[in-house]
Amino acid sequence: MSTATSAPAIVVASDMRTPLGEFWRRFRRQKVALVAGAFLLALLLVAIFAPWIAPYDPATPDYMAILQGPTAAHWAGTDAYGRDVFSRILFGARISLAVGFLSVSLGGLVGVSLGVISGYYGGLIDSLIMRVCDVLLAFPGILLAIGVIAILGPGIDNVIYAVAVFSVPIFARLARGSTLSLKRAVYVDAARAIGVKDRVIMMRHLLPGALPNVIVYFSMRIGTSILTAASLSFIGLGAQPPSPEWGAMLADGRSYIGVADNVTLFPGIAIFVTVLAFNLLGDGLRDALDPKLRMA
């Protein structure tokens, strides 16, 4: 008797899926996104362990090996000072990933906070925050970043702030849209009716609903931020020589195009592949997190 009644319970329990398990079940179907994620994980490990992986010091010149092409000793050749390009790319991954992650994290933190507040309270607060976002969105991202750098001055730290500034309005709009659709839900009205404080409602009931869209945009935005930071460094407003940042490496090597193409080719490939990987990962996360696609 007891065996017959316990069996269905075991079956039902085995069919239950946790949110994380459901996400992984859907995400692992995205083969391209899995490859992109594996590449980015490997790139992160390479950036962390660059001092032990890189065959040469990225800042040490070798005037006996100036502008060499790829060889067994220098896999990606050398630059105008004889520095190993491959080693500089490995160390440059540290800078590019740090700039991308920190700038988007800062912009996301500020933008999501403003978006949830704007959508929850509405009225004058909503109008004020959204009009500021409209002003920021009126400028192309790179021009807005150049304007911020012009005020703060060149340097990799200021690039992080500049990229964060033009990330804020889109994060704010994403969070606001989710908040507007959730703040009239029954469980939110019930929490408000029993006297739960506004900040608790926003943190526990509204913010989780905005996270799927925020996570997808966050992953894609890192790639865009890396590209923007490289662009700023390329025109002399970001990382300064002899920093092995990828955009700065492109700027250093542009005078040698046609003479030593490897100086610009390999940093360019690094930027392209990394940005592409973040975009592909974002597409996979969107497919796995979008509620409209959870039919399977």
C-alpha atoms as a PDB file:
ATOM      1  CA  MET A   1       0.000   0.000   0.000  1.00  0.00           C
ATOM      2  CA  SER A   2       2.765   2.434   0.977  1.00  0.00           C
ATOM      3  CA  THR A   3       4.833   1.506  -2.097  1.00  0.00           C
ATOM      4  CA  ALA A   4       1.949   2.229  -4.470  1.00  0.00           C
ATOM      5  CA  THR A   5       1.332   5.675  -3.007  1.00  0.00           C
ATOM      6  CA  SER A   6       4.980   6.754  -2.886  1.00  0.00           C
ATOM      7  CA  ALA A   7       5.826   5.955  -6.521  1.00  0.00           C
ATOM      8  CA  PRO A   8       3.735   8.757  -8.104  1.00  0.00           C
ATOM      9  CA  ALA A   9       5.261  11.255  -5.691  1.00  0.00           C
ATOM     10  CA  ILE A  10       8.737  10.253  -6.838  1.00  0.00           C
ATOM     11  CA  VAL A  11       7.744  10.646 -10.482  1.00  0.00           C
ATOM     12  CA  VAL A  12       6.226  14.067  -9.891  1.00  0.00           C
ATOM     13  CA  ALA A  13       9.297  15.227  -7.987  1.00  0.00           C
ATOM     14  CA  SER A  14      11.599  14.063 -10.782  1.00  0.00           C
ATOM     15  CA  ASP A  15       9.569  16.027 -13.342  1.00  0.00           C
ATOM     16  CA  MET A  16       9.906  19.294 -11.411  1.00  0.00           C
ATOM     17  CA  ARG A  17      12.484  21.689 -12.820  1.00  0.00           C
ATOM     18  CA  THR A  18      14.258  24.482 -11.020  1.00  0.00           C
ATOM     19  CA  PRO A  19      14.528  27.859 -12.813  1.00  0.00           C
ATOM     20  CA  LEU A  20      18.266  27.362 -13.218  1.00  0.00           C
ATOM     21  CA  GLY A  21      17.778  23.850 -14.564  1.00  0.00           C
ATOM     22  CA  GLU A  22      15.148  25.068 -17.007  1.00  0.00           C
ATOM     23  CA  PHE A  23      17.455  27.839 -18.182  1.00  0.00           C
ATOM     24  CA  TRP A  24      20.327  25.374 -18.753  1.00  0.00           C
ATOM     25  CA  ARG A  25      18.018  22.979 -20.585  1.00  0.00           C
ATOM     26  CA  ARG A  26      17.107  25.711 -23.044  1.00  0.00           C
ATOM     27  CA  PHE A  27      20.525  27.324 -23.265  1.00  0.00           C
ATOM     28  CA  ARG A  28      22.403  24.111 -24.062  1.00  0.00           C
ATOM     29  CA  ARG A  29      20.336  23.817 -27.239  1.00  0.00           C
ATOM     30  CA  GLN A  30      22.044  26.973 -28.511  1.00  0.00           C
ATOM     31  CA  LYS A  31      25.181  25.344 -29.878  1.00  0.00           C
ATOM     32  CA  VAL A  32      26.670  28.544 -31.278  1.00  0.00           C
ATOM     33  CA  ALA A  33      26.100  30.368 -27.994  1.00  0.00           C
ATOM     34  CA  LEU A  34      27.742  27.507 -26.106  1.00  0.00           C
ATOM     35  CA  VAL A  35      30.829  27.763 -28.310  1.00  0.00           C
ATOM     36  CA  ALA A  36      30.878  31.550 -27.821  1.00  0.00           C
ATOM     37  CA  GLY A  37      30.560  31.127 -24.066  1.00  0.00           C
ATOM     38  CA  ALA A  38      33.369  28.560 -23.994  1.00  0.00           C
ATOM     39  CA  PHE A  39      35.599  30.919 -25.986  1.00  0.00           C
ATOM     40  CA  LEU A  40      34.884  33.825 -23.635  1.00  0.00           C
ATOM     41  CA  LEU A  41      35.568  31.644 -20.611  1.00  0.00           C
ATOM     42  CA  ALA A  42      38.887  30.595 -22.144  1.00  0.00           C
ATOM     43  CA  LEU A  43      39.676  34.250 -22.923  1.00  0.00           C
ATOM     44  CA  LEU A  44      38.926  35.204 -19.324  1.00  0.00           C
ATOM     45  CA  LEU A  45      41.278  32.497 -18.039  1.00  0.00           C
ATOM     46  CA  VAL A  46      43.958  33.633 -20.488  1.00  0.00           C
ATOM     47  CA  ALA A  47      43.571  37.223 -19.271  1.00  0.00           C
ATOM     48  CA  ILE A  48      43.847  36.166 -15.626  1.00  0.00           C
ATOM     49  CA  PHE A  49      46.913  33.998 -16.175  1.00  0.00           C
ATOM     50  CA  ALA A  50      48.541  36.180 -18.844  1.00  0.00           C
ATOM     51  CA  PRO A  51      51.726  36.784 -16.803  1.00  0.00           C
ATOM     52  CA  TRP A  52      52.337  33.026 -16.726  1.00  0.00           C
ATOM     53  CA  ILE A  53      51.127  32.256 -20.268  1.00  0.00           C
ATOM     54  CA  ALA A  54      52.697  35.078 -22.278  1.00  0.00           C
ATOM     55  CA  PRO A  55      56.101  34.057 -23.656  1.00  0.00           C
ATOM     56  CA  TYR A  56      57.526  37.617 -23.417  1.00  0.00           C
ATOM     57  CA  ASP A  57      57.145  40.756 -21.358  1.00  0.00           C
ATOM     58  CA  PRO A  58      54.686  42.956 -23.297  1.00  0.00           C
ATOM     59  CA  ALA A  59      56.610  46.164 -22.571  1.00  0.00           C
ATOM     60  CA  THR A  60      60.174  44.970 -23.164  1.00  0.00           C
ATOM     61  CA  PRO A  61      61.563  46.065 -26.548  1.00  0.00           C
ATOM     62  CA  ASP A  62      63.907  43.972 -28.674  1.00  0.00           C
ATOM     63  CA  TYR A  63      65.583  46.165 -31.257  1.00  0.00           C
ATOM     64  CA  MET A  64      67.078  43.112 -32.946  1.00  0.00           C
ATOM     65  CA  ALA A  65      63.604  41.844 -33.889  1.00  0.00           C
ATOM     66  CA  ILE A  66      61.777  44.922 -35.172  1.00  0.00           C
ATOM     67  CA  LEU A  67      58.676  44.417 -37.352  1.00  0.00           C
ATOM     68  CA  GLN A  68      59.151  40.696 -37.824  1.00  0.00           C
ATOM     69  CA  GLY A  69      56.360  38.592 -39.240  1.00  0.00           C
ATOM     70  CA  PRO A  70      54.945  35.521 -37.494  1.00  0.00           C
ATOM     71  CA  THR A  71      57.673  33.032 -36.641  1.00  0.00           C
ATOM     72  CA  ALA A  72      58.155  30.106 -34.287  1.00  0.00           C
ATOM     73  CA  ALA A  73      59.672  32.499 -31.739  1.00  0.00           C
ATOM     74  CA  HIS A  74      57.012  35.196 -32.182  1.00  0.00           C
ATOM     75  CA  TRP A  75      53.683  33.631 -33.150  1.00  0.00           C
ATOM     76  CA  ALA A  76      52.099  36.960 -34.117  1.00  0.00           C
ATOM     77  CA  GLY A  77      55.286  38.776 -35.059  1.00  0.00           C
ATOM     78  CA  THR A  78      56.736  41.887 -33.432  1.00  0.00           C
ATOM     79  CA  ASP A  79      55.927  45.603 -33.534  1.00  0.00           C
ATOM     80  CA  ALA A  80      58.058  48.656 -34.295  1.00  0.00           C
ATOM     81  CA  TYR A  81      59.909  48.265 -30.988  1.00  0.00           C
ATOM     82  CA  GLY A  82      60.448  44.527 -31.293  1.00  0.00           C
ATOM     83  CA  ARG A  83      57.799  43.737 -28.683  1.00  0.00           C
ATOM     84  CA  ASP A  84      56.013  40.423 -29.052  1.00  0.00           C
ATOM     85  CA  VAL A  85      52.532  41.066 -30.492  1.00  0.00           C
ATOM     86  CA  PHE A  86      51.070  37.812 -29.167  1.00  0.00           C
ATOM     87  CA  SER A  87      52.129  38.610 -25.593  1.00  0.00           C
ATOM     88  CA  ARG A  88      50.692  42.105 -25.900  1.00  0.00           C
ATOM     89  CA  ILE A  89      47.376  40.698 -27.126  1.00  0.00           C
ATOM     90  CA  LEU A  90      47.202  38.376 -24.113  1.00  0.00           C
ATOM     91  CA  PHE A  91      47.826  41.247 -21.706  1.00  0.00           C
ATOM     92  CA  GLY A  92      45.500  43.466 -23.715  1.00  0.00           C
ATOM     93  CA  ALA A  93      42.684  41.005 -23.065  1.00  0.00           C
ATOM     94  CA  ARG A  94      42.926  41.987 -19.409  1.00  0.00           C
ATOM     95  CA  ILE A  95      42.361  45.647 -20.211  1.00  0.00           C
ATOM     96  CA  SER A  96      39.606  45.126 -22.776  1.00  0.00           C
ATOM     97  CA  LEU A  97      37.608  42.677 -20.654  1.00  0.00           C
ATOM     98  CA  ALA A  98      38.018  44.830 -17.549  1.00  0.00           C
ATOM     99  CA  VAL A  99      36.853  47.958 -19.372  1.00  0.00           C
ATOM    100  CA  GLY A 100      33.903  46.150 -20.935  1.00  0.00           C
ATOM    101  CA  PHE A 101      32.738  44.485 -17.725  1.00  0.00           C
ATOM    102  CA  LEU A 102      33.291  47.415 -15.359  1.00  0.00           C
ATOM    103  CA  SER A 103      31.748  50.044 -17.635  1.00  0.00           C
ATOM    104  CA  VAL A 104      28.653  47.985 -18.394  1.00  0.00           C
ATOM    105  CA  SER A 105      28.294  46.975 -14.733  1.00  0.00           C
ATOM    106  CA  LEU A 106      28.434  50.610 -13.643  1.00  0.00           C
ATOM    107  CA  GLY A 107      26.036  51.727 -16.368  1.00  0.00           C
ATOM    108  CA  GLY A 108      23.696  48.815 -15.651  1.00  0.00           C
ATOM    109  CA  LEU A 109      23.646  49.462 -11.908  1.00  0.00           C
ATOM    110  CA  VAL A 110      22.733  53.116 -12.369  1.00  0.00           C
ATOM    111  CA  GLY A 111      20.397  52.550 -15.322  1.00  0.00           C
ATOM    112  CA  VAL A 112      18.416  49.671 -13.815  1.00  0.00           C
ATOM    113  CA  SER A 113      18.020  51.551 -10.532  1.00  0.00           C
ATOM    114  CA  LEU A 114      16.715  54.633 -12.324  1.00  0.00           C
ATOM    115  CA  GLY A 115      14.455  52.559 -14.553  1.00  0.00           C
ATOM    116  CA  VAL A 116      12.799  50.701 -11.678  1.00  0.00           C
ATOM    117  CA  ILE A 117      12.296  53.938  -9.734  1.00  0.00           C
ATOM    118  CA  SER A 118      10.930  55.676 -12.816  1.00  0.00           C
ATOM    119  CA  GLY A 119       8.469  52.914 -13.674  1.00  0.00           C
ATOM    120  CA  TYR A 120       7.311  52.370 -10.091  1.00  0.00           C
ATOM    121  CA  TYR A 121       6.621  55.957  -9.076  1.00  0.00           C
ATOM    122  CA  GLY A 122       5.668  57.429 -12.454  1.00  0.00           C
ATOM    123  CA  GLY A 123       4.521  61.032 -12.681  1.00  0.00           C
ATOM    124  CA  LEU A 124       7.105  63.789 -12.425  1.00  0.00           C
ATOM    125  CA  ILE A 125       9.912  61.422 -11.429  1.00  0.00           C
ATOM    126  CA  ASP A 126       9.241  59.256 -14.478  1.00  0.00           C
ATOM    127  CA  SER A 127       9.116  62.256 -16.819  1.00  0.00           C
ATOM    128  CA  LEU A 128      12.328  63.735 -15.444  1.00  0.00           C
ATOM    129  CA  ILE A 129      14.346  60.515 -15.640  1.00  0.00           C
ATOM    130  CA  MET A 130      13.067  59.611 -19.096  1.00  0.00           C
ATOM    131  CA  ARG A 131      13.748  63.069 -20.515  1.00  0.00           C
ATOM    132  CA  VAL A 132      17.341  62.864 -19.307  1.00  0.00           C
ATOM    133  CA  CYS A 133      17.603  59.449 -20.974  1.00  0.00           C
ATOM    134  CA  ASP A 134      16.152  60.912 -24.186  1.00  0.00           C
ATOM    135  CA  VAL A 135      18.836  63.598 -24.171  1.00  0.00           C
ATOM    136  CA  LEU A 136      21.582  61.003 -23.743  1.00  0.00           C
ATOM    137  CA  LEU A 137      20.104  58.798 -26.475  1.00  0.00           C
ATOM    138  CA  ALA A 138      20.048  61.765 -28.862  1.00  0.00           C
ATOM    139  CA  PHE A 139      23.840  61.550 -29.111  1.00  0.00           C
ATOM    140  CA  PRO A 140      25.615  58.716 -30.919  1.00  0.00           C
ATOM    141  CA  GLY A 141      27.364  56.595 -28.320  1.00  0.00           C
ATOM    142  CA  ILE A 142      30.908  57.269 -29.524  1.00  0.00           C
ATOM    143  CA  LEU A 143      30.314  61.045 -29.660  1.00  0.00           C
ATOM    144  CA  LEU A 144      28.869  61.038 -26.158  1.00  0.00           C
ATOM    145  CA  ALA A 145      31.901  59.081 -24.948  1.00  0.00           C
ATOM    146  CA  ILE A 146      34.241  61.568 -26.655  1.00  0.00           C
ATOM    147  CA  GLY A 147      32.393  64.403 -24.915  1.00  0.00           C
ATOM    148  CA  VAL A 148      32.819  62.746 -21.523  1.00  0.00           C
ATOM    149  CA  ILE A 149      36.513  62.106 -22.213  1.00  0.00           C
ATOM    150  CA  ALA A 150      36.917  65.749 -23.242  1.00  0.00           C
ATOM    151  CA  ILE A 151      35.648  66.757 -19.800  1.00  0.00           C
ATOM    152  CA  LEU A 152      37.449  64.145 -17.708  1.00  0.00           C
ATOM    153  CA  GLY A 153      40.603  63.806 -19.784  1.00  0.00           C
ATOM    154  CA  PRO A 154      42.118  60.805 -21.616  1.00  0.00           C
ATOM    155  CA  GLY A 155      42.927  57.586 -19.813  1.00  0.00           C
ATOM    156  CA  ILE A 156      41.568  54.100 -19.391  1.00  0.00           C
ATOM    157  CA  ASP A 157      39.779  54.931 -16.111  1.00  0.00           C
ATOM    158  CA  ASN A 158      37.878  57.768 -17.754  1.00  0.00           C
ATOM    159  CA  VAL A 159      37.004  55.492 -20.681  1.00  0.00           C
ATOM    160  CA  ILE A 160      35.138  53.274 -18.192  1.00  0.00           C
ATOM    161  CA  TYR A 161      33.080  56.261 -17.011  1.00  0.00           C
ATOM    162  CA  ALA A 162      32.475  57.454 -20.560  1.00  0.00           C
ATOM    163  CA  VAL A 163      31.225  54.077 -21.760  1.00  0.00           C
ATOM    164  CA  ALA A 164      29.095  53.701 -18.616  1.00  0.00           C
ATOM    165  CA  VAL A 165      27.349  57.010 -19.289  1.00  0.00           C
ATOM    166  CA  PHE A 166      25.927  55.996 -22.656  1.00  0.00           C
ATOM    167  CA  SER A 167      24.949  52.573 -21.292  1.00  0.00           C
ATOM    168  CA  VAL A 168      22.686  54.095 -18.623  1.00  0.00           C
ATOM    169  CA  PRO A 169      19.663  55.202 -20.738  1.00  0.00           C
ATOM    170  CA  ILE A 170      19.063  51.854 -22.459  1.00  0.00           C
ATOM    171  CA  PHE A 171      19.322  49.933 -19.189  1.00  0.00           C
ATOM    172  CA  ALA A 172      16.907  52.445 -17.673  1.00  0.00           C
ATOM    173  CA  ARG A 173      14.388  51.943 -20.473  1.00  0.00           C
ATOM    174  CA  LEU A 174      14.592  48.158 -20.227  1.00  0.00           C
ATOM    175  CA  ALA A 175      14.021  48.208 -16.468  1.00  0.00           C
ATOM    176  CA  ARG A 176      11.248  50.773 -16.739  1.00  0.00           C
ATOM    177  CA  GLY A 177       9.357  48.739 -19.322  1.00  0.00           C
ATOM    178  CA  SER A 178       9.439  45.619 -17.155  1.00  0.00           C
ATOM    179  CA  THR A 179       8.448  47.601 -14.065  1.00  0.00           C
ATOM    180  CA  LEU A 180       5.437  49.158 -15.780  1.00  0.00           C
ATOM    181  CA  SER A 181       4.139  45.709 -16.763  1.00  0.00           C
ATOM    182  CA  LEU A 182       4.691  44.207 -13.308  1.00  0.00           C
ATOM    183  CA  LYS A 183       3.758  46.925 -10.848  1.00  0.00           C
ATOM    184  CA  ARG A 184       0.008  46.271 -11.304  1.00  0.00           C
ATOM    185  CA  ALA A 185       0.375  42.538 -10.702  1.00  0.00           C
ATOM    186  CA  VAL A 186      -1.722  41.017  -7.932  1.00  0.00           C
ATOM    187  CA  TYR A 187       1.249  40.047  -5.773  1.00  0.00           C
ATOM    188  CA  VAL A 188       2.628  43.609  -5.958  1.00  0.00           C
ATOM    189  CA  ASP A 189      -0.765  45.063  -4.947  1.00  0.00           C
ATOM    190  CA  ALA A 190      -0.922  42.544  -2.098  1.00  0.00           C
ATOM    191  CA  ALA A 191       2.551  43.506  -0.878  1.00  0.00           C
ATOM    192  CA  ARG A 192       1.626  47.177  -1.004  1.00  0.00           C
ATOM    193  CA  ALA A 193      -1.649  46.510   0.839  1.00  0.00           C
ATOM    194  CA  ILE A 194       0.036  44.843   3.800  1.00  0.00           C
ATOM    195  CA  GLY A 195       2.463  47.736   4.184  1.00  0.00           C
ATOM    196  CA  VAL A 196       5.628  46.461   2.517  1.00  0.00           C
ATOM    197  CA  LYS A 197       8.014  49.349   1.915  1.00  0.00           C
ATOM    198  CA  ASP A 198       8.492  50.613  -1.628  1.00  0.00           C
ATOM    199  CA  ARG A 199      12.193  49.772  -1.747  1.00  0.00           C
ATOM    200  CA  VAL A 200      11.448  46.189  -0.708  1.00  0.00           C
ATOM    201  CA  ILE A 201       8.777  45.857  -3.396  1.00  0.00           C
ATOM    202  CA  MET A 202      11.155  47.186  -6.011  1.00  0.00           C
ATOM    203  CA  MET A 203      14.015  44.930  -4.936  1.00  0.00           C
ATOM    204  CA  ARG A 204      12.117  41.688  -4.330  1.00  0.00           C
ATOM    205  CA  HIS A 205       9.169  41.842  -6.716  1.00  0.00           C
ATOM    206  CA  LEU A 206       9.978  44.206  -9.600  1.00  0.00           C
ATOM    207  CA  LEU A 207      13.724  43.913 -10.131  1.00  0.00           C
ATOM    208  CA  PRO A 208      13.707  40.101 -10.685  1.00  0.00           C
ATOM    209  CA  GLY A 209      11.189  40.567 -13.497  1.00  0.00           C
ATOM    210  CA  ALA A 210      13.549  42.958 -15.269  1.00  0.00           C
ATOM    211  CA  LEU A 211      16.639  40.767 -14.944  1.00  0.00           C
ATOM    212  CA  PRO A 212      16.156  38.500 -18.009  1.00  0.00           C
ATOM    213  CA  ASN A 213      16.176  41.439 -20.441  1.00  0.00           C
ATOM    214  CA  VAL A 214      18.940  43.153 -18.496  1.00  0.00           C
ATOM    215  CA  ILE A 215      21.157  40.050 -18.558  1.00  0.00           C
ATOM    216  CA  VAL A 216      20.763  39.662 -22.319  1.00  0.00           C
ATOM    217  CA  TYR A 217      21.553  43.305 -22.994  1.00  0.00           C
ATOM    218  CA  PHE A 218      24.403  43.211 -20.467  1.00  0.00           C
ATOM    219  CA  SER A 219      26.192  40.448 -22.381  1.00  0.00           C
ATOM    220  CA  MET A 220      25.764  42.199 -25.712  1.00  0.00           C
ATOM    221  CA  ARG A 221      26.748  45.567 -24.288  1.00  0.00           C
ATOM    222  CA  ILE A 222      30.109  44.270 -23.104  1.00  0.00           C
ATOM    223  CA  GLY A 223      31.072  43.581 -26.709  1.00  0.00           C
ATOM    224  CA  THR A 224      29.943  47.047 -27.770  1.00  0.00           C
ATOM    225  CA  SER A 225      31.860  48.596 -24.879  1.00  0.00           C
ATOM    226  CA  ILE A 226      35.053  46.771 -25.837  1.00  0.00           C
ATOM    227  CA  LEU A 227      34.674  48.085 -29.384  1.00  0.00           C
ATOM    228  CA  THR A 228      34.018  51.636 -28.155  1.00  0.00           C
ATOM    229  CA  ALA A 229      36.981  51.542 -25.774  1.00  0.00           C
ATOM    230  CA  ALA A 230      39.201  50.311 -28.612  1.00  0.00           C
ATOM    231  CA  SER A 231      37.919  53.135 -30.820  1.00  0.00           C
ATOM    232  CA  LEU A 232      38.705  55.734 -28.144  1.00  0.00           C
ATOM    233  CA  SER A 233      42.183  54.305 -27.673  1.00  0.00           C
ATOM    234  CA  PHE A 234      42.702  54.272 -31.429  1.00  0.00           C
ATOM    235  CA  ILE A 235      42.154  58.046 -31.635  1.00  0.00           C
ATOM    236  CA  GLY A 236      44.310  58.692 -28.578  1.00  0.00           C
ATOM    237  CA  LEU A 237      41.615  59.278 -25.954  1.00  0.00           C
ATOM    238  CA  GLY A 238      41.755  55.927 -24.190  1.00  0.00           C
ATOM    239  CA  ALA A 239      44.684  53.780 -23.110  1.00  0.00           C
ATOM    240  CA  GLN A 240      47.991  55.550 -23.600  1.00  0.00           C
ATOM    241  CA  PRO A 241      51.241  54.013 -24.903  1.00  0.00           C
ATOM    242  CA  PRO A 242      52.907  51.709 -24.051  1.00  0.00           C
ATOM    243  CA  SER A 243      49.714  50.079 -22.748  1.00  0.00           C
ATOM    244  CA  PRO A 244      48.969  46.830 -24.667  1.00  0.00           C
ATOM    245  CA  GLU A 245      45.291  47.715 -25.155  1.00  0.00           C
ATOM    246  CA  TRP A 246      43.955  46.366 -28.455  1.00  0.00           C
ATOM    247  CA  GLY A 247      42.808  49.730 -29.836  1.00  0.00           C
ATOM    248  CA  ALA A 248      46.104  51.365 -28.896  1.00  0.00           C
ATOM    249  CA  MET A 249      47.939  48.514 -30.639  1.00  0.00           C
ATOM    250  CA  LEU A 250      45.955  49.233 -33.794  1.00  0.00           C
ATOM    251  CA  ALA A 251      46.880  52.903 -33.561  1.00  0.00           C
ATOM    252  CA  ASP A 252      50.580  52.070 -33.113  1.00  0.00           C
ATOM    253  CA  GLY A 253      50.584  49.731 -36.114  1.00  0.00           C
ATOM    254  CA  ARG A 254      48.596  51.761 -38.628  1.00  0.00           C
ATOM    255  CA  SER A 255      51.790  53.420 -39.941  1.00  0.00           C
ATOM    256  CA  TYR A 256      53.139  50.007 -40.895  1.00  0.00           C
ATOM    257  CA  ILE A 257      50.200  48.678 -42.896  1.00  0.00           C
ATOM    258  CA  GLY A 258      51.655  47.120 -46.028  1.00  0.00           C
ATOM    259  CA  VAL A 259      55.034  46.755 -44.369  1.00  0.00           C
ATOM    260  CA  ALA A 260      54.162  44.685 -41.288  1.00  0.00           C
ATOM    261  CA  ASP A 261      50.459  43.897 -41.477  1.00  0.00           C
ATOM    262  CA  ASN A 262      50.670  41.554 -38.501  1.00  0.00           C
ATOM    263  CA  VAL A 263      50.977  44.537 -36.137  1.00  0.00           C
ATOM    264  CA  THR A 264      47.387  45.537 -36.889  1.00  0.00           C
ATOM    265  CA  LEU A 265      45.961  42.259 -38.158  1.00  0.00           C
ATOM    266  CA  PHE A 266      46.123  40.244 -34.952  1.00  0.00           C
ATOM    267  CA  PRO A 267      44.765  42.927 -32.579  1.00  0.00           C
ATOM    268  CA  GLY A 268      41.975  43.528 -35.080  1.00  0.00           C
ATOM    269  CA  ILE A 269      41.132  39.821 -35.142  1.00  0.00           C
ATOM    270  CA  ALA A 270      41.110  39.784 -31.322  1.00  0.00           C
ATOM    271  CA  ILE A 271      38.607  42.655 -31.203  1.00  0.00           C
ATOM    272  CA  PHE A 272      36.421  41.128 -33.922  1.00  0.00           C
ATOM    273  CA  VAL A 273      36.253  37.636 -32.448  1.00  0.00           C
ATOM    274  CA  THR A 274      35.651  38.861 -28.894  1.00  0.00           C
ATOM    275  CA  VAL A 275      32.843  41.254 -29.845  1.00  0.00           C
ATOM    276  CA  LEU A 276      31.272  38.580 -32.048  1.00  0.00           C
ATOM    277  CA  ALA A 277      31.417  36.046 -29.204  1.00  0.00           C
ATOM    278  CA  PHE A 278      29.626  38.410 -26.804  1.00  0.00           C
ATOM    279  CA  ASN A 279      26.904  39.077 -29.382  1.00  0.00           C
ATOM    280  CA  LEU A 280      26.394  35.379 -30.070  1.00  0.00           C
ATOM    281  CA  LEU A 281      26.277  34.660 -26.340  1.00  0.00           C
ATOM    282  CA  GLY A 282      23.667  37.382 -25.940  1.00  0.00           C
ATOM    283  CA  ASP A 283      21.529  35.850 -28.678  1.00  0.00           C
ATOM    284  CA  GLY A 284      21.667  32.490 -26.924  1.00  0.00           C
ATOM    285  CA  LEU A 285      20.765  34.022 -23.563  1.00  0.00           C
ATOM    286  CA  ARG A 286      17.831  35.824 -25.147  1.00  0.00           C
ATOM    287  CA  ASP A 287      16.468  32.613 -26.622  1.00  0.00           C
ATOM    288  CA  ALA A 288      16.878  30.832 -23.285  1.00  0.00           C
ATOM    289  CA  LEU A 289      15.394  33.590 -21.118  1.00  0.00           C
ATOM    290  CA  ASP A 290      12.619  34.999 -23.308  1.00  0.00           C
ATOM    291  CA  PRO A 291       9.274  33.836 -21.826  1.00  0.00           C
ATOM    292  CA  LYS A 292       7.671  33.884 -25.283  1.00  0.00           C
ATOM    293  CA  LEU A 293      10.052  31.147 -26.401  1.00  0.00           C
ATOM    294  CA  ARG A 294       9.408  28.788 -23.481  1.00  0.00           C
ATOM    295  CA  MET A 295       6.887  26.721 -25.381  1.00  0.00           C
ATOM    296  CA  ALA A 296       9.237  23.725 -25.708  1.00  0.00           C
END
